[in-house]
Amino acid sequence: MPPPVPQNPSDPDRDHGSGSGSGSDRDAGQPVCRRLVGRTAVITGAGSGIGLASARRLAAEGARVVAADIDGAAGQAAAQETGGIFVETDVTDPGQVEALFRAAYDTYGSVDIAFNNAGISPPEDDSILTTGLDAWRRVQEVNLTSVYLCCKAAIPYMQRQGKGSIINTASFVAVMGAATSQVSYTASKGGVLAMSRELGVQFAREGIRVNALCPGPVDTPLLRELFAKDPERAARRLVHIPLGRFADATEIAAAVAFLASDDAGFVTAAEFLVDGGISGAYVTPL
């Protein structure tokens, strides 16, 4: 693997958080905090959705972004836009994950933030009665084992520094059940939540915070693909969200930036829900 090269590190838009393509008009023109200046953030699944929105937000707050994705073109584009580096990574491969964090350290001299976000939700993952073992295992490998591998690789760097923030993408389905099952996805996210809690407690006194980010349904390419052929399926979910809409990826990215920053200095081992109220609702507004 050739050494990664920083992409446009002097891009002025990166320094001022005013670059185009923020992912949404929701945050257009809004000032961005500068809480992450000089910190190195490794982001898996950085080429699209929540990962891309978070790469943009962390870069806007001053972080040096290390974008990881299995999609070379998408990951390279994310690195180019955020002034960081790209490391093509299969997050289920231990050697590639180790190389990812080594590249971050060798390029920037620290590993301060690990946003372990890569995940899949294939249509083959459905009811326990119809989901095959191969589909089950594939989802577990990408959604849960990859988080284990990334945490295992990141923590030693953070131990040497005496600080660090790890944010693992779980889901609101880790705390709720659904009749419209994606059995392996749900189980994998429950595992991410439990593992994050364990690591958050274990490493707290070494200055390492570990939190599980639990988004509600997010308007991402993954969700759009899932619902494109079945609007009724989307409507069935929307009715349960008190805010009456899916989240924008930039709203999840704002939570990532908070958890990565010193503003969340007393937050660890947490189940950090950003779900539009869905997990707290019984009857939603008309």
Protein backbone atom coordinates (compact mmCIF):
# COMPACT_ATOMS: atom_id res chain seq x y z
CA MET A 1 0.00 0.00 0.00
CA PRO A 2 1.56 3.36 -1.01
CA PRO A 3 1.86 5.96 1.76
CA PRO A 4 -1.14 8.26 2.02
CA VAL A 5 -0.71 11.83 0.91
CA PRO A 6 -2.50 14.81 2.49
CA GLN A 7 -5.03 16.35 0.13
CA ASN A 8 -4.95 20.15 -0.23
CA PRO A 9 -3.96 20.80 3.39
CA SER A 10 -3.93 24.55 2.78
CA ASP A 11 -7.50 24.73 1.48
CA PRO A 12 -8.88 27.91 3.09
CA ASP A 13 -12.42 26.53 3.16
CA ARG A 14 -11.24 23.84 5.54
CA ASP A 15 -9.96 26.40 8.04
CA HIS A 16 -13.12 28.44 8.09
CA GLY A 17 -15.72 25.68 7.78
CA SER A 18 -17.26 27.44 4.79
CA GLY A 19 -16.64 24.88 2.09
CA SER A 20 -19.37 23.93 -0.33
CA GLY A 21 -21.20 20.62 -0.13
CA SER A 22 -22.01 20.52 3.55
CA GLY A 23 -24.52 17.76 2.87
CA SER A 24 -27.55 19.87 3.76
CA ASP A 25 -28.88 23.41 3.80
CA ARG A 26 -29.81 22.84 7.45
CA ASP A 27 -26.45 24.16 8.63
CA ALA A 28 -25.71 26.50 5.73
CA GLY A 29 -24.33 29.84 6.87
CA GLN A 30 -24.16 28.78 10.52
CA PRO A 31 -20.96 29.43 12.46
CA VAL A 32 -18.99 26.33 13.41
CA CYS A 33 -17.03 25.91 16.65
CA ARG A 34 -13.27 25.32 16.47
CA ARG A 35 -13.01 22.68 19.17
CA LEU A 36 -10.82 20.16 17.37
CA VAL A 37 -7.87 22.19 16.08
CA GLY A 38 -4.74 20.06 15.82
CA ARG A 39 -6.47 16.76 16.54
CA THR A 40 -6.36 13.72 14.27
CA ALA A 41 -9.69 12.06 13.52
CA VAL A 42 -9.92 8.63 11.90
CA ILE A 43 -13.33 8.08 10.31
CA THR A 44 -14.44 4.77 8.80
CA GLY A 45 -17.19 4.79 6.23
CA ALA A 46 -16.10 8.35 5.43
CA GLY A 47 -17.16 8.25 1.79
CA SER A 48 -20.90 8.77 2.27
CA GLY A 49 -23.78 9.36 4.65
CA ILE A 50 -23.01 9.99 8.30
CA GLY A 51 -19.30 9.35 7.75
CA LEU A 52 -18.98 11.99 5.04
CA ALA A 53 -21.04 14.54 6.96
CA SER A 54 -18.87 13.90 10.02
CA ALA A 55 -15.64 14.24 8.03
CA ARG A 56 -16.85 17.63 6.84
CA ARG A 57 -17.91 18.74 10.31
CA LEU A 58 -14.75 17.59 12.10
CA ALA A 59 -12.56 19.21 9.44
CA ALA A 60 -14.55 22.43 9.80
CA GLU A 61 -13.80 22.33 13.53
CA GLY A 62 -10.08 22.03 12.82
CA ALA A 63 -9.46 18.28 12.89
CA ARG A 64 -7.02 16.55 10.58
CA VAL A 65 -9.20 13.96 8.87
CA VAL A 66 -8.10 10.44 8.00
CA ALA A 67 -10.85 9.15 5.74
CA ALA A 68 -11.24 5.38 5.48
CA ASP A 69 -13.60 3.60 3.12
CA ILE A 70 -13.68 0.46 1.02
CA ASP A 71 -14.87 2.61 -1.90
CA GLY A 72 -11.69 4.18 -3.24
CA ALA A 73 -13.33 6.93 -5.28
CA ALA A 74 -15.72 8.04 -2.54
CA GLY A 75 -13.07 7.94 0.17
CA GLN A 76 -10.56 9.84 -1.95
CA ALA A 77 -13.17 12.50 -2.66
CA ALA A 78 -13.90 12.87 1.06
CA ALA A 79 -10.21 13.30 1.83
CA GLN A 80 -9.80 15.80 -1.00
CA GLU A 81 -12.73 17.88 0.23
CA THR A 82 -11.66 17.91 3.87
CA GLY A 83 -7.94 18.45 3.30
CA GLY A 84 -7.04 15.13 4.88
CA ILE A 85 -5.69 11.78 3.76
CA PHE A 86 -7.43 8.70 2.43
CA VAL A 87 -6.60 5.13 3.38
CA GLU A 88 -8.55 2.50 1.48
CA THR A 89 -9.65 0.04 4.15
CA ASP A 90 -11.64 -3.14 4.46
CA VAL A 91 -12.66 -2.74 8.09
CA THR A 92 -13.12 -6.50 8.49
CA ASP A 93 -9.42 -7.10 7.77
CA PRO A 94 -7.26 -6.78 10.93
CA GLY A 95 -4.11 -5.93 8.97
CA GLN A 96 -5.80 -3.16 7.01
CA VAL A 97 -7.32 -1.69 10.17
CA GLU A 98 -3.93 -1.64 11.88
CA ALA A 99 -2.44 -0.01 8.79
CA LEU A 100 -5.15 2.65 8.87
CA PHE A 101 -4.34 3.81 12.38
CA ARG A 102 -0.61 3.52 11.73
CA ALA A 103 -1.02 5.80 8.70
CA ALA A 104 -2.90 8.33 10.82
CA TYR A 105 -0.14 8.36 13.43
CA ASP A 106 2.72 8.36 10.92
CA THR A 107 1.17 11.26 8.99
CA TYR A 108 -0.02 13.48 11.83
CA GLY A 109 1.70 12.21 14.98
CA SER A 110 -1.40 11.35 17.00
CA VAL A 111 -4.68 9.45 17.03
CA ASP A 112 -7.07 11.65 19.00
CA ILE A 113 -10.48 10.67 17.65
CA ALA A 114 -11.72 7.38 16.24
CA PHE A 115 -15.18 7.47 14.71
CA ASN A 116 -15.89 3.81 13.98
CA ASN A 117 -18.83 4.24 11.69
CA ALA A 118 -18.66 1.80 8.76
CA GLY A 119 -21.70 -0.43 8.46
CA ILE A 120 -24.06 -2.23 6.12
CA SER A 121 -27.75 -3.09 6.06
CA PRO A 122 -28.31 -5.51 3.17
CA PRO A 123 -31.77 -6.63 2.06
CA GLU A 124 -30.82 -10.24 2.78
CA ASP A 125 -30.87 -9.36 6.48
CA ASP A 126 -34.53 -9.69 7.40
CA SER A 127 -36.57 -11.88 9.72
CA ILE A 128 -34.73 -14.55 11.68
CA LEU A 129 -36.88 -17.04 9.75
CA THR A 130 -35.51 -15.97 6.36
CA THR A 131 -32.03 -14.55 7.03
CA GLY A 132 -29.34 -17.01 6.02
CA LEU A 133 -26.21 -17.67 8.03
CA ASP A 134 -23.94 -16.06 5.42
CA ALA A 135 -25.96 -12.82 5.55
CA TRP A 136 -25.94 -12.92 9.36
CA ARG A 137 -22.17 -13.35 9.49
CA ARG A 138 -21.44 -10.67 6.89
CA VAL A 139 -23.42 -8.03 8.82
CA GLN A 140 -21.77 -9.02 12.10
CA GLU A 141 -18.31 -8.78 10.53
CA VAL A 142 -18.85 -5.31 9.06
CA ASN A 143 -20.98 -3.77 11.80
CA LEU A 144 -19.59 -5.31 14.99
CA THR A 145 -16.26 -7.05 14.41
CA SER A 146 -14.95 -3.98 12.57
CA VAL A 147 -15.68 -1.83 15.64
CA TYR A 148 -13.79 -4.34 17.80
CA LEU A 149 -10.84 -4.19 15.40
CA CYS A 150 -10.83 -0.38 15.21
CA CYS A 151 -11.03 0.03 18.99
CA LYS A 152 -8.28 -2.54 19.46
CA ALA A 153 -6.06 -0.64 17.01
CA ALA A 154 -6.84 2.88 18.27
CA ILE A 155 -6.62 2.41 22.04
CA PRO A 156 -2.85 1.79 22.30
CA TYR A 157 -2.13 5.13 20.58
CA MET A 158 -4.53 6.88 22.94
CA GLN A 159 -3.00 5.16 25.98
CA ARG A 160 0.42 6.55 25.06
CA GLN A 161 -1.08 10.02 24.67
CA GLY A 162 -3.10 9.75 27.88
CA LYS A 163 -6.28 10.84 26.11
CA GLY A 164 -8.62 10.14 23.24
CA SER A 165 -12.24 9.91 22.17
CA ILE A 166 -13.78 6.87 20.50
CA ILE A 167 -17.25 7.14 19.01
CA ASN A 168 -18.85 3.92 17.80
CA THR A 169 -21.93 4.01 15.61
CA ALA A 170 -24.66 1.88 17.17
CA SER A 171 -28.34 2.66 16.50
CA PHE A 172 -31.64 3.36 18.20
CA VAL A 173 -32.52 -0.25 17.32
CA ALA A 174 -29.97 -1.30 19.95
CA VAL A 175 -32.46 -0.11 22.59
CA MET A 176 -35.79 -0.84 20.86
CA GLY A 177 -37.44 -3.76 19.12
CA ALA A 178 -39.15 -3.72 15.73
CA ALA A 179 -41.64 -6.00 14.04
CA THR A 180 -39.99 -5.06 10.74
CA SER A 181 -36.88 -6.99 11.64
CA GLN A 182 -33.32 -6.77 10.34
CA VAL A 183 -32.15 -9.36 12.81
CA SER A 184 -28.40 -9.31 12.27
CA TYR A 185 -28.24 -5.51 11.99
CA THR A 186 -30.14 -5.11 15.27
CA ALA A 187 -27.98 -7.69 17.03
CA SER A 188 -24.80 -6.10 15.71
CA LYS A 189 -25.79 -2.65 16.96
CA GLY A 190 -26.70 -4.08 20.36
CA GLY A 191 -23.21 -5.52 20.46
CA VAL A 192 -21.66 -2.17 19.57
CA LEU A 193 -23.60 -0.52 22.40
CA ALA A 194 -22.55 -3.12 24.99
CA MET A 195 -18.91 -3.12 23.88
CA SER A 196 -18.74 0.68 23.93
CA ARG A 197 -20.11 0.76 27.46
CA GLU A 198 -17.54 -1.82 28.58
CA LEU A 199 -14.60 0.01 26.98
CA GLY A 200 -15.80 3.36 28.27
CA VAL A 201 -15.63 2.06 31.81
CA GLN A 202 -12.40 0.08 31.38
CA PHE A 203 -10.30 2.93 29.98
CA ALA A 204 -11.93 5.93 31.68
CA ARG A 205 -9.05 6.59 34.08
CA GLU A 206 -6.56 6.53 31.24
CA GLY A 207 -8.24 9.58 29.70
CA ILE A 208 -9.95 7.61 26.95
CA ARG A 209 -13.67 8.18 26.47
CA VAL A 210 -15.73 5.62 24.54
CA ASN A 211 -19.34 6.30 23.61
CA ALA A 212 -21.99 4.63 21.48
CA LEU A 213 -23.72 7.01 19.09
CA CYS A 214 -27.29 5.80 18.55
CA PRO A 215 -28.86 7.61 15.59
CA GLY A 216 -32.49 7.30 14.68
CA PRO A 217 -33.45 6.85 11.02
CA VAL A 218 -31.19 9.11 8.95
CA ASP A 219 -31.76 10.38 5.43
CA THR A 220 -28.70 8.72 3.91
CA PRO A 221 -28.11 6.81 0.66
CA LEU A 222 -28.40 3.59 2.68
CA LEU A 223 -31.86 4.50 3.96
CA ARG A 224 -33.03 5.91 0.62
CA GLU A 225 -32.00 2.69 -1.11
CA LEU A 226 -33.83 0.64 1.49
CA PHE A 227 -37.10 2.57 1.13
CA ALA A 228 -37.01 3.66 -2.53
CA LYS A 229 -39.05 0.69 -3.72
CA ASP A 230 -41.40 0.69 -0.75
CA PRO A 231 -42.75 4.14 0.31
CA GLU A 232 -45.23 2.41 2.62
CA ARG A 233 -42.29 0.96 4.54
CA ALA A 234 -40.86 4.45 5.05
CA ALA A 235 -44.24 5.86 6.10
CA ARG A 236 -44.67 3.08 8.65
CA ARG A 237 -41.47 4.26 10.34
CA LEU A 238 -42.06 8.00 10.10
CA VAL A 239 -45.27 7.79 12.12
CA HIS A 240 -43.27 6.71 15.18
CA ILE A 241 -40.90 9.70 15.15
CA PRO A 242 -42.21 12.63 17.24
CA LEU A 243 -40.35 15.15 15.07
CA GLY A 244 -42.06 13.69 12.01
CA ARG A 245 -39.03 13.32 9.77
CA PHE A 246 -35.81 11.42 9.33
CA ALA A 247 -32.62 13.02 10.62
CA ASP A 248 -30.24 14.86 8.37
CA ALA A 249 -26.71 13.45 8.38
CA THR A 250 -25.35 16.84 9.45
CA GLU A 251 -27.37 16.60 12.67
CA ILE A 252 -25.68 13.30 13.50
CA ALA A 253 -22.32 14.82 12.56
CA ALA A 254 -22.90 17.61 15.08
CA ALA A 255 -23.31 14.96 17.79
CA VAL A 256 -20.10 13.28 16.64
CA ALA A 257 -18.25 16.60 16.91
CA PHE A 258 -19.59 17.14 20.42
CA LEU A 259 -18.55 13.66 21.58
CA ALA A 260 -15.13 14.13 20.01
CA SER A 261 -14.56 17.44 21.77
CA ASP A 262 -13.65 18.49 25.30
CA ASP A 263 -17.22 19.73 25.70
CA ALA A 264 -18.05 16.05 26.25
CA GLY A 265 -15.22 15.61 28.75
CA PHE A 266 -17.53 14.04 31.35
CA VAL A 267 -19.34 11.80 28.86
CA THR A 268 -18.17 8.21 28.57
CA ALA A 269 -19.72 4.72 28.42
CA ALA A 270 -22.86 6.51 27.23
CA GLU A 271 -25.75 5.47 25.02
CA PHE A 272 -25.94 8.75 23.10
CA LEU A 273 -29.33 8.83 21.39
CA VAL A 274 -29.95 11.25 18.53
CA ASP A 275 -33.27 9.84 17.38
CA GLY A 276 -35.89 12.58 17.08
CA GLY A 277 -37.58 11.29 20.24
CA ILE A 278 -38.46 7.87 18.84
CA SER A 279 -37.06 5.91 21.79
CA GLY A 280 -39.04 8.00 24.26
CA ALA A 281 -42.37 7.97 22.42
CA TYR A 282 -45.58 6.05 22.94
CA VAL A 283 -48.20 8.06 21.07
CA THR A 284 -46.77 10.61 18.64
CA PRO A 285 -48.33 13.96 17.62
CA LEU A 286 -50.89 14.09 14.83
